[in-house]
């Protein structure tokens, strides 16, 4: 009994000393610090077309599609959030990363197991006395590898950052998804508008063909005018099937984004509606806000943190490892005496291991993880530049396309007047039929360009919201990216 008590006391003292030593040790490897990124004080492109450098309303940016005041678009966005398969995959990756973090955390604690056994042995009469012997035992086994140099803590640090990176990646997938839903919806409305314009031009050209045919039958023109009118009519009519095909294909792409089979949205999108109009003013904030908002930038920063911790994991292998193991149990030859004081048994073990020679593989692994950390830093810096470029490009596209749309609106107005005048003059015999065809074709081309430009203005604003990182609700904060605003001169 005294020996067992002494052994138990020794194990307790060793465990306490190890805990004290563990708490005082600093984990090897570099401590992570958020990268300091230099950003311009303001956007380099001039803010025009309703763009303003005022602070962004984060609640509005979270649900940017509501600025278009289109109930169908809002409904499609909510459906995509619930049914998109890419989003589900990203959610599964978050759960996977969280489980990996749980494994890394569990490695910090001791493992304890319980065992029970019962055996009966009968010796042979030739080699023994032929007696039967029973043996009963129960025990609690514990083992613990001490993290004196912080390798396991660095592993947990890396797993935590990877989990946070998966969360940011989920947000990035959602940002891209909701923007894609809105862009395809605008595409659907654009094709509906183009189809309406083309079908209207088919009717107009059919009327022009009738005029040419009547004038030919009256002997006022030749067969040439009638044939040219027919050719012009059929050329426009031939565009209708192509537009209908493009319209249906756009709807099918939208179906799949919502996680539904092709044709599921047929009834919802059957009625023609205009392309959603843009607001008169759009706040875009400053570049420094972008780095805190863009999920891809936040993902790259967390990946950098995870890889930095991996250097510490690798360096910890350069140092010795220490582990403790112990067993407390009961052993008896008779079951009735198994739980008596005399049946108690105990064993303790302390173990140290240190790799003295491995051909330099551990040090090479440290170099490998360091190179990966440098790669992750470069990837982060590249992601920052790409984010700034995306916003600058979207600002220019949105402002300039509005100017283009204004010119096309004026061109359509003038083209419609020119066509009506040419047709009236042709009826009076003042101009050739070719003049009518030319003005009619010019009007159709300009109407198509205007419809495309109207859709592009809306699409460019959607792309701007995407570039600004809009479309995800604020979640648990990850370490902020330090930014340095470059002074403008």
Protein backbone atom coordinates (compact mmCIF):
# COMPACT_ATOMS: atom_id res chain seq x y z
CA UNK A 1 0.00 0.00 0.00
CA UNK A 2 2.81 2.41 0.85
CA UNK A 3 4.57 1.67 -2.44
CA UNK A 4 1.36 2.26 -4.39
CA UNK A 5 0.73 5.52 -2.54
CA UNK A 6 4.27 6.66 -3.21
CA UNK A 7 3.95 5.78 -6.90
CA UNK A 8 0.63 7.64 -7.17
CA UNK A 9 2.16 10.67 -5.40
CA UNK A 10 5.14 10.59 -7.75
CA UNK A 11 2.94 10.48 -10.81
CA UNK A 12 0.91 13.41 -9.51
CA UNK A 13 4.04 15.45 -8.84
CA UNK A 14 5.46 14.70 -12.29
CA UNK A 15 2.17 15.65 -13.93
CA UNK A 16 1.99 18.93 -11.97
CA UNK A 17 5.59 19.80 -12.86
CA UNK A 18 4.88 19.08 -16.51
CA UNK A 19 1.84 21.33 -16.48
CA UNK A 20 3.85 24.15 -14.91
CA UNK A 21 6.60 23.70 -17.48
CA UNK A 22 4.07 23.61 -20.30
CA UNK A 23 2.45 26.85 -19.21
CA UNK A 24 5.81 28.61 -19.14
CA UNK A 25 7.04 27.44 -22.55
CA UNK A 26 6.78 29.59 -25.63
CA UNK A 27 5.75 27.86 -28.85
CA UNK A 28 8.57 27.69 -31.37
CA UNK A 29 8.18 29.29 -34.78
CA UNK A 30 7.12 32.80 -35.80
CA UNK A 31 4.12 34.46 -34.18
CA UNK A 32 1.66 35.57 -36.82
CA UNK A 33 1.12 39.25 -37.48
CA UNK A 34 -1.48 40.53 -39.95
CA UNK A 35 0.20 41.93 -43.07
CA UNK A 36 0.23 45.69 -43.42
CA UNK A 37 -1.06 46.61 -46.85
CA UNK A 38 -0.66 50.00 -48.49
CA UNK A 39 -3.83 51.24 -50.17
CA UNK A 40 -4.59 54.53 -51.94
CA UNK A 41 -6.56 57.12 -50.02
CA UNK A 42 -9.22 57.30 -52.74
CA UNK A 43 -10.19 55.57 -55.96
CA UNK A 44 -8.02 56.63 -58.87
CA UNK A 45 -10.87 56.69 -61.39
CA UNK A 46 -13.07 59.77 -61.25
CA UNK A 47 -16.41 59.04 -59.61
CA UNK A 48 -19.10 59.87 -62.15
CA UNK A 49 -22.55 58.67 -63.05
CA UNK A 50 -23.95 58.90 -59.53
CA UNK A 51 -20.94 57.28 -57.84
CA UNK A 52 -19.94 58.80 -54.52
CA UNK A 53 -16.97 58.27 -52.24
CA UNK A 54 -19.08 58.42 -49.09
CA UNK A 55 -19.12 55.56 -46.58
CA UNK A 56 -20.95 52.43 -47.68
CA UNK A 57 -24.10 51.44 -45.87
CA UNK A 58 -23.08 47.94 -44.76
CA UNK A 59 -26.70 46.82 -44.35
CA UNK A 60 -27.43 47.91 -47.91
CA UNK A 61 -24.27 46.27 -49.24
CA UNK A 62 -25.28 43.04 -47.51
CA UNK A 63 -28.53 43.03 -49.52
CA UNK A 64 -27.50 45.11 -52.53
CA UNK A 65 -30.05 43.51 -54.87
CA UNK A 66 -32.85 45.34 -53.05
CA UNK A 67 -31.73 48.64 -54.63
CA UNK A 68 -33.23 47.43 -57.93
CA UNK A 69 -36.69 47.15 -56.35
CA UNK A 70 -37.46 43.94 -58.25
CA UNK A 71 -39.43 41.36 -56.22
CA UNK A 72 -38.65 38.55 -58.67
CA UNK A 73 -34.90 39.19 -58.41
CA UNK A 74 -35.11 39.21 -54.61
CA UNK A 75 -37.03 35.93 -54.70
CA UNK A 76 -34.44 34.32 -56.97
CA UNK A 77 -31.62 35.41 -54.67
CA UNK A 78 -33.29 33.86 -51.64
CA UNK A 79 -33.91 30.64 -53.57
CA UNK A 80 -30.25 30.50 -54.59
CA UNK A 81 -29.18 30.87 -50.98
CA UNK A 82 -31.28 27.86 -50.05
CA UNK A 83 -30.72 25.56 -53.01
CA UNK A 84 -27.38 26.25 -54.73
CA UNK A 85 -25.17 23.17 -54.72
CA UNK A 86 -21.86 25.06 -54.80
CA UNK A 87 -22.94 26.85 -51.63
CA UNK A 88 -23.74 23.52 -50.00
CA UNK A 89 -20.28 22.23 -50.89
CA UNK A 90 -18.69 25.32 -49.33
CA UNK A 91 -20.78 24.82 -46.19
CA UNK A 92 -19.58 21.21 -46.00
CA UNK A 93 -15.97 22.41 -46.29
CA UNK A 94 -16.56 24.69 -43.28
CA UNK A 95 -17.82 21.74 -41.24
CA UNK A 96 -14.83 19.70 -42.41
CA UNK A 97 -12.38 22.42 -41.33
CA UNK A 98 -14.15 22.78 -37.99
CA UNK A 99 -13.78 19.03 -37.39
CA UNK A 100 -10.09 19.23 -38.29
CA UNK A 101 -9.71 21.98 -35.71
CA UNK A 102 -11.43 19.73 -33.17
CA UNK A 103 -8.90 17.00 -33.88
CA UNK A 104 -6.01 19.42 -33.41
CA UNK A 105 -7.48 20.65 -30.13
CA UNK A 106 -8.05 17.12 -28.84
CA UNK A 107 -4.35 16.34 -29.35
CA UNK A 108 -3.51 18.78 -26.52
CA UNK A 109 -5.26 16.63 -23.90
CA UNK A 110 -4.40 13.24 -22.41
CA UNK A 111 -6.23 10.12 -23.53
CA UNK A 112 -7.82 7.84 -20.96
CA UNK A 113 -9.10 4.32 -21.58
CA UNK A 114 -10.78 1.63 -19.52
CA UNK A 115 -10.06 -2.11 -19.77
CA UNK A 116 -11.51 -5.21 -18.20
CA UNK A 117 -10.51 -8.82 -18.73
CA UNK A 118 -11.19 -12.28 -17.39
CA UNK A 119 -9.26 -15.43 -18.30
CA UNK A 120 -9.12 -19.10 -17.31
CA UNK A 121 -6.01 -21.20 -17.93
CA UNK A 122 -5.76 -24.98 -17.51
CA UNK A 123 -2.25 -26.40 -17.46
CA UNK A 124 -1.54 -29.79 -19.03
CA UNK A 125 -0.80 -32.73 -16.77
CA UNK A 126 2.26 -33.59 -18.82
CA UNK A 127 3.92 -30.16 -18.53
CA UNK A 128 2.29 -28.94 -15.37
CA UNK A 129 0.07 -29.87 -12.50
CA UNK A 130 -3.13 -29.85 -14.51
CA UNK A 131 -4.66 -27.11 -12.39
CA UNK A 132 -7.07 -24.46 -13.63
CA UNK A 133 -6.24 -20.81 -12.85
CA UNK A 134 -8.58 -17.80 -13.13
CA UNK A 135 -7.36 -14.22 -13.56
CA UNK A 136 -9.48 -11.05 -13.34
CA UNK A 137 -8.35 -7.48 -14.03
CA UNK A 138 -9.74 -3.97 -14.56
CA UNK A 139 -7.70 -0.84 -15.23
CA UNK A 140 -7.71 2.79 -16.24
CA UNK A 141 -4.92 3.66 -18.69
CA UNK A 142 -3.81 7.22 -19.38
CA UNK A 143 -1.22 8.66 -21.75
CA UNK A 144 -0.22 12.19 -22.61
CA UNK A 145 2.34 13.64 -24.98
CA UNK A 146 3.43 16.95 -23.47
CA UNK A 147 3.50 19.98 -25.77
CA UNK A 148 6.58 21.58 -24.25
CA UNK A 149 7.72 23.29 -27.46
CA UNK A 150 4.30 24.25 -28.82
CA UNK A 151 4.07 22.03 -31.88
CA UNK A 152 0.53 20.96 -31.03
CA UNK A 153 -0.47 24.51 -30.13
CA UNK A 154 0.84 25.70 -33.49
CA UNK A 155 -1.12 22.91 -35.14
CA UNK A 156 -4.28 24.11 -33.39
CA UNK A 157 -3.46 27.68 -34.43
CA UNK A 158 -3.12 26.55 -38.05
CA UNK A 159 -6.34 24.53 -37.94
CA UNK A 160 -8.21 27.48 -36.44
CA UNK A 161 -7.02 29.79 -39.20
CA UNK A 162 -7.92 27.17 -41.83
CA UNK A 163 -11.40 26.93 -40.35
CA UNK A 164 -11.74 30.70 -40.52
CA UNK A 165 -10.47 30.62 -44.12
CA UNK A 166 -13.19 28.08 -44.97
CA UNK A 167 -15.78 30.41 -43.47
CA UNK A 168 -14.48 33.29 -45.58
CA UNK A 169 -14.45 31.06 -48.66
CA UNK A 170 -18.12 30.27 -48.00
CA UNK A 171 -18.83 33.99 -48.02
CA UNK A 172 -16.82 34.38 -51.23
CA UNK A 173 -18.86 31.64 -52.90
CA UNK A 174 -22.05 33.40 -51.80
CA UNK A 175 -20.84 36.77 -53.13
CA UNK A 176 -20.10 35.23 -56.53
CA UNK A 177 -23.30 33.19 -56.55
CA UNK A 178 -25.69 36.06 -55.82
CA UNK A 179 -23.97 38.29 -58.37
CA UNK A 180 -24.20 35.53 -60.98
CA UNK A 181 -27.91 35.04 -60.25
CA UNK A 182 -28.54 38.76 -60.72
CA UNK A 183 -26.41 38.93 -63.89
CA UNK A 184 -28.23 36.02 -65.53
CA UNK A 185 -31.58 37.51 -64.48
CA UNK A 186 -30.60 40.76 -66.21
CA UNK A 187 -29.56 38.69 -69.22
CA UNK A 188 -33.02 37.08 -69.30
CA UNK A 189 -34.74 40.46 -69.19
CA UNK A 190 -32.34 41.77 -71.85
CA UNK A 191 -33.15 38.91 -74.22
CA UNK A 192 -36.85 39.49 -73.63
CA UNK A 193 -36.38 43.15 -74.56
CA UNK A 194 -34.33 42.28 -77.66
CA UNK A 195 -36.95 39.73 -78.68
CA UNK A 196 -39.69 42.33 -78.28
CA UNK A 197 -37.73 44.85 -80.38
CA UNK A 198 -37.09 42.27 -83.10
CA UNK A 199 -40.72 41.08 -83.22
CA UNK A 200 -41.86 44.70 -83.42
CA UNK A 201 -39.43 45.26 -86.31
CA UNK A 202 -40.81 42.16 -88.04
CA UNK A 203 -44.25 43.80 -88.04
CA UNK A 204 -42.80 47.10 -89.23
CA UNK A 205 -40.90 45.46 -92.07
CA UNK A 206 -43.94 43.43 -93.01
CA UNK A 207 -45.78 46.74 -93.43
CA UNK A 208 -42.88 48.09 -95.50
CA UNK A 209 -42.99 44.96 -97.65
CA UNK A 210 -46.72 45.44 -98.21
CA UNK A 211 -46.13 49.04 -99.31
CA UNK A 212 -43.44 47.96 -101.77
CA UNK A 213 -45.65 45.17 -103.10
CA UNK A 214 -48.62 47.51 -103.55
CA UNK A 215 -46.48 50.07 -105.35
CA UNK A 216 -45.08 47.33 -107.57
CA UNK A 217 -48.55 46.06 -108.40
CA UNK A 218 -49.58 49.62 -109.21
CA UNK A 219 -46.62 49.93 -111.59
CA UNK A 220 -44.95 52.66 -109.52
CA UNK A 221 -41.81 50.59 -108.71
CA UNK A 222 -40.00 47.55 -110.00
CA UNK A 223 -39.78 44.01 -108.68
CA UNK A 224 -36.45 45.00 -107.13
CA UNK A 225 -38.10 47.08 -104.39
CA UNK A 226 -40.44 44.28 -103.45
CA UNK A 227 -37.61 41.70 -103.34
CA UNK A 228 -35.43 43.96 -101.24
CA UNK A 229 -38.30 44.51 -98.82
CA UNK A 230 -38.89 40.78 -98.58
CA UNK A 231 -35.20 40.11 -97.98
CA UNK A 232 -35.09 42.70 -95.22
CA UNK A 233 -38.20 41.19 -93.59
CA UNK A 234 -36.88 37.64 -93.59
CA UNK A 235 -33.47 38.68 -92.28
CA UNK A 236 -35.07 40.22 -89.20
CA UNK A 237 -37.51 37.32 -88.81
CA UNK A 238 -34.55 34.91 -88.83
CA UNK A 239 -33.20 36.59 -85.67
CA UNK A 240 -36.27 35.61 -83.63
CA UNK A 241 -35.47 31.86 -83.20
CA UNK A 242 -31.88 32.67 -82.19
CA UNK A 243 -33.04 35.13 -79.54
CA UNK A 244 -35.61 32.65 -78.23
CA UNK A 245 -32.91 29.99 -77.95
CA UNK A 246 -30.60 32.35 -76.05
CA UNK A 247 -33.48 33.37 -73.77
CA UNK A 248 -34.37 29.79 -72.87
CA UNK A 249 -30.72 28.84 -72.30
CA UNK A 250 -30.30 31.78 -69.92
CA UNK A 251 -33.35 30.61 -67.98
CA UNK A 252 -31.90 27.10 -67.76
CA UNK A 253 -28.63 28.44 -66.35
CA UNK A 254 -30.64 30.32 -63.76
CA UNK A 255 -32.53 27.12 -62.87
CA UNK A 256 -29.30 25.25 -62.21
CA UNK A 257 -27.88 28.07 -60.06
CA UNK A 258 -30.94 27.71 -57.86
CA UNK A 259 -30.38 23.96 -57.60
CA UNK A 260 -33.46 23.15 -59.68
CA UNK A 261 -33.95 21.21 -62.93
CA UNK A 262 -34.14 23.17 -66.22
CA UNK A 263 -37.58 24.62 -66.76
CA UNK A 264 -38.43 25.10 -63.09
CA UNK A 265 -38.63 28.90 -63.49
CA UNK A 266 -40.59 28.84 -66.75
CA UNK A 267 -43.81 30.23 -65.28
CA UNK A 268 -42.07 32.77 -63.03
CA UNK A 269 -40.12 34.28 -65.95
CA UNK A 270 -42.75 33.85 -68.66
CA UNK A 271 -43.98 37.45 -68.53
CA UNK A 272 -41.73 40.05 -70.14
CA UNK A 273 -40.48 42.67 -67.72
CA UNK A 274 -37.93 45.46 -68.15
CA UNK A 275 -34.32 45.27 -67.04
CA UNK A 276 -34.09 46.48 -63.41
CA UNK A 277 -33.16 50.17 -63.29
CA UNK A 278 -30.23 51.48 -61.26
CA UNK A 279 -30.40 54.02 -58.40
CA UNK A 280 -29.32 57.60 -59.04
CA UNK A 281 -26.59 57.52 -56.36
CA UNK A 282 -24.22 54.74 -55.33
CA UNK A 283 -21.78 55.01 -52.38
CA UNK A 284 -18.51 53.11 -52.91
CA UNK A 285 -16.48 54.05 -49.82
CA UNK A 286 -12.67 54.07 -49.86
CA UNK A 287 -10.11 51.38 -50.78
CA UNK A 288 -9.25 50.59 -47.16
CA UNK A 289 -12.85 49.44 -46.58
CA UNK A 290 -12.50 46.97 -49.43
CA UNK A 291 -9.81 44.86 -47.77
CA UNK A 292 -11.93 44.39 -44.67
CA UNK A 293 -14.97 43.44 -46.75
CA UNK A 294 -13.81 41.26 -49.65
CA UNK A 295 -14.12 37.58 -48.65
CA UNK A 296 -11.37 36.48 -51.04
CA UNK A 297 -8.94 38.90 -49.40
CA UNK A 298 -10.01 37.70 -45.95
CA UNK A 299 -9.60 34.09 -47.12
CA UNK A 300 -6.07 34.72 -48.37
CA UNK A 301 -5.16 36.43 -45.08
CA UNK A 302 -6.41 33.47 -43.03
CA UNK A 303 -4.56 31.03 -45.29
CA UNK A 304 -1.40 33.04 -44.66
CA UNK A 305 -2.00 32.77 -40.90
CA UNK A 306 -2.53 29.01 -41.18
CA UNK A 307 0.67 28.51 -43.13
CA UNK A 308 2.67 30.70 -40.75
CA UNK A 309 1.67 28.40 -37.89
CA UNK A 310 2.83 25.38 -39.91
CA UNK A 311 6.40 26.68 -39.63
CA UNK A 312 6.13 26.26 -35.85
CA UNK A 313 4.71 22.77 -36.28
CA UNK A 314 7.74 21.84 -38.39
CA UNK A 315 10.26 23.48 -36.03
CA UNK A 316 8.86 21.62 -33.02
CA UNK A 317 10.15 18.38 -34.59
CA UNK A 318 13.72 19.65 -34.00
CA UNK A 319 13.24 19.31 -30.23
CA UNK A 320 12.73 16.27 -27.99
CA UNK A 321 9.25 15.01 -27.18
CA UNK A 322 8.09 14.00 -23.72
CA UNK A 323 5.17 11.76 -22.83
CA UNK A 324 3.62 10.32 -19.70
CA UNK A 325 1.72 7.07 -19.30
CA UNK A 326 0.15 5.43 -16.33
CA UNK A 327 -2.17 2.62 -15.29
CA UNK A 328 -4.33 2.26 -12.20
CA UNK A 329 -6.14 -1.05 -11.90
CA UNK A 330 -7.30 -4.09 -9.97
CA UNK A 331 -5.94 -7.63 -10.38
CA UNK A 332 -7.03 -10.81 -8.66
CA UNK A 333 -7.06 -14.58 -9.11
CA UNK A 334 -10.55 -14.66 -7.63
CA UNK A 335 -13.43 -12.49 -8.71
CA UNK A 336 -14.65 -12.10 -5.15
CA UNK A 337 -11.36 -10.39 -4.18
CA UNK A 338 -11.12 -8.16 -7.29
CA UNK A 339 -12.40 -5.05 -5.52
CA UNK A 340 -10.42 -5.50 -2.33
CA UNK A 341 -7.59 -3.20 -1.26
CA UNK A 342 -5.01 -5.89 -1.84
CA UNK A 343 -6.03 -6.16 -5.54
CA UNK A 344 -4.93 -2.65 -6.40
CA UNK A 345 -2.08 -2.21 -8.91
CA UNK A 346 -0.40 0.84 -10.44
CA UNK A 347 2.25 1.59 -13.03
CA UNK A 348 3.77 4.86 -14.25
CA UNK A 349 6.04 5.66 -17.18
CA UNK A 350 7.82 8.77 -18.37
CA UNK A 351 9.32 8.74 -21.87
CA UNK A 352 11.55 11.09 -23.83
CA UNK A 353 12.39 10.81 -27.52
CA UNK A 354 14.63 12.95 -29.70
CA UNK A 355 15.58 12.50 -33.31
CA UNK A 356 19.37 12.79 -33.45
CA UNK A 357 19.88 12.11 -37.15
CA UNK A 358 17.41 12.06 -40.04
CA UNK A 359 19.51 13.17 -42.97
CA UNK A 360 18.26 16.75 -42.58
CA UNK A 361 14.60 15.98 -43.41
CA UNK A 362 13.20 18.00 -40.46
CA UNK A 363 15.20 21.09 -41.37
CA UNK A 364 14.19 20.72 -44.99
CA UNK A 365 10.57 20.55 -43.88
CA UNK A 366 11.07 23.82 -41.98
CA UNK A 367 12.41 25.38 -45.18
CA UNK A 368 9.49 23.92 -47.12
CA UNK A 369 6.88 25.40 -44.76
CA UNK A 370 8.71 28.74 -44.79
CA UNK A 371 8.64 28.82 -48.60
CA UNK A 372 4.93 28.00 -48.53
CA UNK A 373 4.41 30.88 -46.10
CA UNK A 374 6.19 33.24 -48.50
CA UNK A 375 4.01 31.90 -51.30
CA UNK A 376 0.87 32.51 -49.22
CA UNK A 377 2.02 36.07 -48.54
CA UNK A 378 2.51 36.71 -52.26
CA UNK A 379 -0.91 35.21 -52.96
CA UNK A 380 -2.46 37.55 -50.39
CA UNK A 381 -0.76 40.59 -51.91
CA UNK A 382 -1.87 39.50 -55.39
CA UNK A 383 -5.44 39.06 -54.15
CA UNK A 384 -5.39 42.60 -52.72
CA UNK A 385 -4.23 44.05 -56.05
CA UNK A 386 -6.87 42.05 -57.93
CA UNK A 387 -9.57 43.35 -55.57
CA UNK A 388 -8.49 46.96 -56.14
CA UNK A 389 -8.38 46.38 -59.90
CA UNK A 390 -11.86 44.82 -59.90
CA UNK A 391 -13.38 47.85 -58.19
CA UNK A 392 -11.54 50.40 -60.33
CA UNK A 393 -12.63 48.59 -63.51
CA UNK A 394 -16.23 48.36 -62.30
CA UNK A 395 -16.28 52.08 -61.47
CA UNK A 396 -15.07 52.99 -64.96
CA UNK A 397 -17.44 50.55 -66.69
CA UNK A 398 -20.47 51.76 -64.77
CA UNK A 399 -19.83 55.47 -65.35
CA UNK A 400 -18.86 55.22 -69.03
CA UNK A 401 -21.70 52.87 -69.97
CA UNK A 402 -24.18 55.42 -68.66
CA UNK A 403 -22.74 58.00 -71.04
CA UNK A 404 -22.94 55.49 -73.88
CA UNK A 405 -26.56 54.74 -73.02
CA UNK A 406 -27.46 58.45 -73.12
CA UNK A 407 -25.96 58.77 -76.61
CA UNK A 408 -27.80 55.68 -77.82
CA UNK A 409 -31.10 57.00 -76.46
CA UNK A 410 -30.59 60.15 -78.53
CA UNK A 411 -29.60 58.03 -81.55
CA UNK A 412 -32.74 55.90 -81.31
CA UNK A 413 -34.92 58.98 -81.13
CA UNK A 414 -33.26 60.46 -84.23
CA UNK A 415 -33.29 57.11 -86.05
CA UNK A 416 -37.01 56.62 -85.48
CA UNK A 417 -37.71 60.09 -86.86
CA UNK A 418 -35.45 59.43 -89.88
CA UNK A 419 -37.20 56.16 -90.69
CA UNK A 420 -40.68 57.62 -90.49
CA UNK A 421 -39.63 60.53 -92.69
CA UNK A 422 -37.96 58.23 -95.24
CA UNK A 423 -41.04 56.01 -95.44
CA UNK A 424 -43.33 58.99 -95.97
CA UNK A 425 -41.06 60.38 -98.68
CA UNK A 426 -40.88 56.97 -100.37
CA UNK A 427 -44.68 56.82 -100.45
CA UNK A 428 -44.59 60.20 -102.17
CA UNK A 429 -41.91 59.04 -104.61
CA UNK A 430 -39.32 61.49 -103.32
CA UNK A 431 -36.63 58.97 -102.23
CA UNK A 432 -35.57 55.51 -103.33
CA UNK A 433 -36.57 52.39 -101.48
CA UNK A 434 -32.95 51.82 -100.51
CA UNK A 435 -33.14 54.90 -98.30
CA UNK A 436 -36.06 53.34 -96.44
CA UNK A 437 -34.16 50.09 -95.96
CA UNK A 438 -31.04 51.87 -94.75
CA UNK A 439 -32.87 53.97 -92.16
CA UNK A 440 -34.88 50.97 -91.03
CA UNK A 441 -31.80 48.81 -90.58
CA UNK A 442 -29.98 51.62 -88.78
CA UNK A 443 -32.91 52.06 -86.40
CA UNK A 444 -33.03 48.34 -85.55
CA UNK A 445 -29.28 48.23 -84.93
CA UNK A 446 -29.43 51.27 -82.65
CA UNK A 447 -32.43 49.90 -80.74
CA UNK A 448 -30.56 46.65 -80.14
CA UNK A 449 -27.49 48.52 -78.95
CA UNK A 450 -29.60 50.61 -76.58
CA UNK A 451 -31.26 47.52 -75.11
CA UNK A 452 -27.87 45.90 -74.60
CA UNK A 453 -26.46 49.10 -73.06
CA UNK A 454 -29.37 49.43 -70.65
CA UNK A 455 -28.74 45.86 -69.48
CA UNK A 456 -25.00 46.50 -69.29
CA UNK A 457 -25.46 49.51 -67.01
CA UNK A 458 -27.38 47.34 -64.57
CA UNK A 459 -24.91 44.46 -64.97
CA UNK A 460 -22.00 46.81 -64.33
CA UNK A 461 -23.56 47.97 -61.08
CA UNK A 462 -24.04 44.33 -60.05
CA UNK A 463 -20.37 43.69 -60.86
CA UNK A 464 -19.46 46.74 -58.78
CA UNK A 465 -21.35 45.42 -55.77
CA UNK A 466 -19.63 42.08 -56.25
CA UNK A 467 -16.22 43.77 -56.49
CA UNK A 468 -16.98 45.63 -53.25
CA UNK A 469 -17.63 42.29 -51.54
CA UNK A 470 -21.37 42.74 -51.12
CA UNK A 471 -23.81 39.91 -50.55
CA UNK A 472 -22.93 38.31 -47.24
CA UNK A 473 -24.10 39.12 -43.70
CA UNK A 474 -21.57 40.08 -41.04
CA UNK A 475 -20.36 36.98 -39.20
CA UNK A 476 -17.87 36.20 -36.43
CA UNK A 477 -14.92 38.51 -36.87
CA UNK A 478 -11.60 37.14 -38.02
CA UNK A 479 -8.40 39.05 -37.28
CA UNK A 480 -8.54 42.32 -39.16
CA UNK A 481 -6.13 43.01 -41.96
CA UNK A 482 -3.93 45.94 -41.11
CA UNK A 483 -4.04 48.58 -43.78
CA UNK A 484 -1.92 51.60 -44.51
CA UNK A 485 -3.50 54.36 -46.55
CA UNK A 486 -1.04 55.89 -48.94
CA UNK A 487 -1.16 59.66 -48.89
CA UNK A 488 -2.28 61.24 -52.10
CA UNK A 489 -0.22 64.02 -53.60
